[in-house]
Amino acid sequence: MGVDLAVSGLLDKMVKLTMVARVTDGLPLAEGLDDGRDQKDADFYKQQAKLLFKNLSKGQHEASRMSIETGPYFFQTQRNLAKLNDELYEVHQIMTRNVQEVLGVGEKLDQVTEMSTRLTSDTRMYADKAKDLNRQALIRKYAPVAIVIGVVLMLFWLKNKIW
């Protein structure tokens, strides 16, 4: 035996109570979680829903085509549950897309962080290479002058030693 009926109590577009039961015997199968607010109202509406299930289980109504309205509250049948499931599926799709977008932003942030780290290490490497090139340029520029001065000083020293 499958689920034949779900009851949702709505007030100001906010679900206060949800119960699922079999129409064949009126047995409640599932019930929404209570948040602790409006406890006296919740008990009243739970009793009302149970009475509705018992009345429906007597077979006086065709449950698959019935919707019962009581003021700001209404009770949904299987046909309305299919519509609710479709709407929940749409909400699920939207939430999935939003989560994927957030994850995509996180992945892009990881890529930016990785790129930043790589650029920092490349910058250090290029700075070290620039220092080496400057040192080599200084050596190439002043080495011939230093060698000539060294040779001249050595010749003066040898001249003074020999003569």
Protein backbone atom coordinates (compact mmCIF):
# COMPACT_ATOMS: atom_id res chain seq x y z
CA MET A 1 0.00 0.00 0.00
CA GLY A 2 1.38 3.35 -1.00
CA VAL A 3 0.96 6.81 0.32
CA ASP A 4 -2.42 8.15 -0.71
CA LEU A 5 -2.69 11.53 0.99
CA ALA A 6 -0.58 14.33 2.37
CA VAL A 7 -1.87 17.10 4.57
CA SER A 8 -0.16 20.47 4.82
CA GLY A 9 -1.43 23.29 6.96
CA LEU A 10 -0.49 26.70 5.57
CA LEU A 11 -0.81 30.09 7.24
CA ASP A 12 0.60 33.23 5.70
CA LYS A 13 2.34 31.15 3.00
CA MET A 14 4.36 29.23 5.62
CA VAL A 15 3.91 25.50 6.23
CA LYS A 16 2.96 24.88 9.84
CA LEU A 17 2.26 21.15 9.64
CA THR A 18 2.80 18.34 7.15
CA MET A 19 1.49 14.81 7.59
CA VAL A 20 1.39 11.87 5.16
CA ALA A 21 -1.06 8.99 5.61
CA ARG A 22 -2.74 6.15 3.73
CA VAL A 23 -6.31 6.82 2.76
CA THR A 24 -7.18 3.14 2.86
CA ASP A 25 -6.81 2.86 6.64
CA GLY A 26 -6.08 6.42 7.82
CA LEU A 27 -2.72 5.37 9.24
CA PRO A 28 -0.28 8.34 9.52
CA LEU A 29 2.99 7.39 7.80
CA ALA A 30 5.11 10.52 8.23
CA GLU A 31 4.92 13.86 9.93
CA GLY A 32 6.94 17.07 9.53
CA LEU A 33 9.32 18.23 12.22
CA ASP A 34 7.99 20.61 14.86
CA ASP A 35 10.06 23.69 15.49
CA GLY A 36 8.58 24.29 18.96
CA ARG A 37 6.69 27.45 18.03
CA ASP A 38 2.90 27.62 18.37
CA GLN A 39 2.80 24.24 20.11
CA LYS A 40 -0.88 24.58 21.11
CA ASP A 41 -1.84 25.33 17.48
CA ALA A 42 0.26 22.44 16.18
CA ASP A 43 -1.51 19.93 18.44
CA PHE A 44 -4.91 21.26 17.34
CA TYR A 45 -4.06 20.94 13.65
CA LYS A 46 -2.52 17.50 14.12
CA GLN A 47 -5.78 16.33 15.67
CA GLN A 48 -7.71 17.92 12.82
CA ALA A 49 -5.52 16.16 10.22
CA LYS A 50 -5.92 12.79 11.98
CA LEU A 51 -9.69 13.21 12.00
CA LEU A 52 -9.59 14.06 8.31
CA PHE A 53 -7.57 10.91 7.59
CA LYS A 54 -10.06 8.79 9.53
CA ASN A 55 -13.00 10.30 7.63
CA LEU A 56 -11.27 9.73 4.30
CA SER A 57 -10.46 6.13 5.19
CA LYS A 58 -14.19 5.39 5.51
CA GLY A 59 -14.36 5.61 1.69
CA GLN A 60 -16.93 8.39 1.39
CA HIS A 61 -14.75 10.54 -0.88
CA GLU A 62 -12.63 9.98 -3.99
CA ALA A 63 -9.26 11.02 -2.53
CA SER A 64 -7.27 11.32 -5.77
CA ARG A 65 -9.45 14.22 -6.94
CA MET A 66 -10.16 16.01 -3.69
CA SER A 67 -8.85 19.16 -2.09
CA ILE A 68 -10.37 20.32 1.17
CA GLU A 69 -10.03 23.97 2.17
CA THR A 70 -10.60 25.21 5.70
CA GLY A 71 -9.97 28.94 6.01
CA PRO A 72 -6.32 29.82 5.49
CA TYR A 73 -5.40 26.12 5.68
CA PHE A 74 -5.77 23.50 2.96
CA PHE A 75 -5.20 19.79 2.70
CA GLN A 76 -3.42 18.41 -0.39
CA THR A 77 -4.22 15.16 -2.15
CA GLN A 78 -1.96 13.01 -4.34
CA ARG A 79 -2.63 15.08 -7.47
CA ASN A 80 -1.55 18.25 -5.66
CA LEU A 81 1.50 16.43 -4.30
CA ALA A 82 2.70 15.81 -7.87
CA LYS A 83 2.52 19.54 -8.51
CA LEU A 84 4.33 20.20 -5.23
CA ASN A 85 7.02 17.65 -6.21
CA ASP A 86 7.49 19.43 -9.55
CA GLU A 87 7.92 22.75 -7.76
CA LEU A 88 10.35 21.18 -5.29
CA TYR A 89 12.29 19.72 -8.22
CA GLU A 90 12.58 23.19 -9.75
CA VAL A 91 13.80 24.60 -6.42
CA HIS A 92 16.29 21.71 -6.21
CA GLN A 93 17.57 22.50 -9.72
CA ILE A 94 17.99 26.18 -8.86
CA MET A 95 19.81 25.36 -5.62
CA THR A 96 22.05 22.88 -7.46
CA ARG A 97 22.97 25.55 -10.03
CA ASN A 98 23.65 28.06 -7.25
CA VAL A 99 25.88 25.61 -5.37
CA GLN A 100 27.74 24.78 -8.60
CA GLU A 101 28.27 28.50 -9.25
CA VAL A 102 29.63 28.96 -5.73
CA LEU A 103 31.93 25.97 -6.20
CA GLY A 104 32.99 27.40 -9.58
CA VAL A 105 33.88 30.69 -7.88
CA GLY A 106 35.85 28.70 -5.30
CA GLU A 107 37.70 26.85 -8.05
CA LYS A 108 38.45 30.12 -9.82
CA LEU A 109 39.71 31.54 -6.53
CA ASP A 110 41.98 28.48 -6.15
CA GLN A 111 43.26 29.02 -9.70
CA VAL A 112 43.94 32.70 -8.97
CA THR A 113 45.76 31.77 -5.76
CA GLU A 114 47.83 29.16 -7.62
CA MET A 115 48.62 31.67 -10.37
CA SER A 116 49.60 34.28 -7.78
CA THR A 117 51.95 31.81 -6.07
CA ARG A 118 53.48 30.85 -9.40
CA LEU A 119 53.93 34.51 -10.38
CA THR A 120 55.59 35.26 -7.03
CA SER A 121 58.09 32.41 -7.45
CA ASP A 122 58.74 33.41 -11.09
CA THR A 123 59.33 37.00 -9.98
CA ARG A 124 61.89 35.85 -7.40
CA MET A 125 63.62 33.71 -10.04
CA TYR A 126 63.76 36.61 -12.51
CA ALA A 127 65.06 38.98 -9.80
CA ASP A 128 67.91 36.54 -9.04
CA LYS A 129 68.70 36.23 -12.74
CA ALA A 130 68.67 40.03 -13.09
CA LYS A 131 71.21 40.33 -10.26
CA ASP A 132 73.44 37.74 -11.97
CA LEU A 133 73.21 39.59 -15.28
CA ASN A 134 74.10 42.90 -13.60
CA ARG A 135 77.11 41.26 -11.94
CA GLN A 136 78.24 39.78 -15.27
CA ALA A 137 77.80 43.15 -16.99
CA LEU A 138 79.95 44.84 -14.35
CA ILE A 139 82.64 42.16 -14.75
CA ARG A 140 82.64 42.51 -18.54
CA LYS A 141 82.78 46.28 -18.26
CA TYR A 142 85.52 46.65 -15.64
CA ALA A 143 87.51 43.38 -16.00
CA PRO A 144 89.62 44.56 -18.98
CA VAL A 145 90.45 47.81 -17.16
CA ALA A 146 91.34 45.89 -13.99
CA ILE A 147 93.54 43.45 -15.96
CA VAL A 148 95.38 46.30 -17.71
CA ILE A 149 95.94 48.11 -14.41
CA GLY A 150 97.09 44.84 -12.81
CA VAL A 151 99.58 44.16 -15.63
CA VAL A 152 100.93 47.73 -15.45
CA LEU A 153 101.35 47.53 -11.68
CA MET A 154 103.11 44.18 -12.03
CA LEU A 155 105.47 45.61 -14.59
CA PHE A 156 106.31 48.52 -12.29
CA TRP A 157 106.93 46.12 -9.46
CA LEU A 158 109.14 43.88 -11.60
CA LYS A 159 111.07 46.92 -12.88
CA ASN A 160 111.75 48.04 -9.33
CA LYS A 161 112.77 44.52 -8.28
CA ILE A 162 115.04 43.84 -11.24
CA TRP A 163 116.68 47.27 -11.64
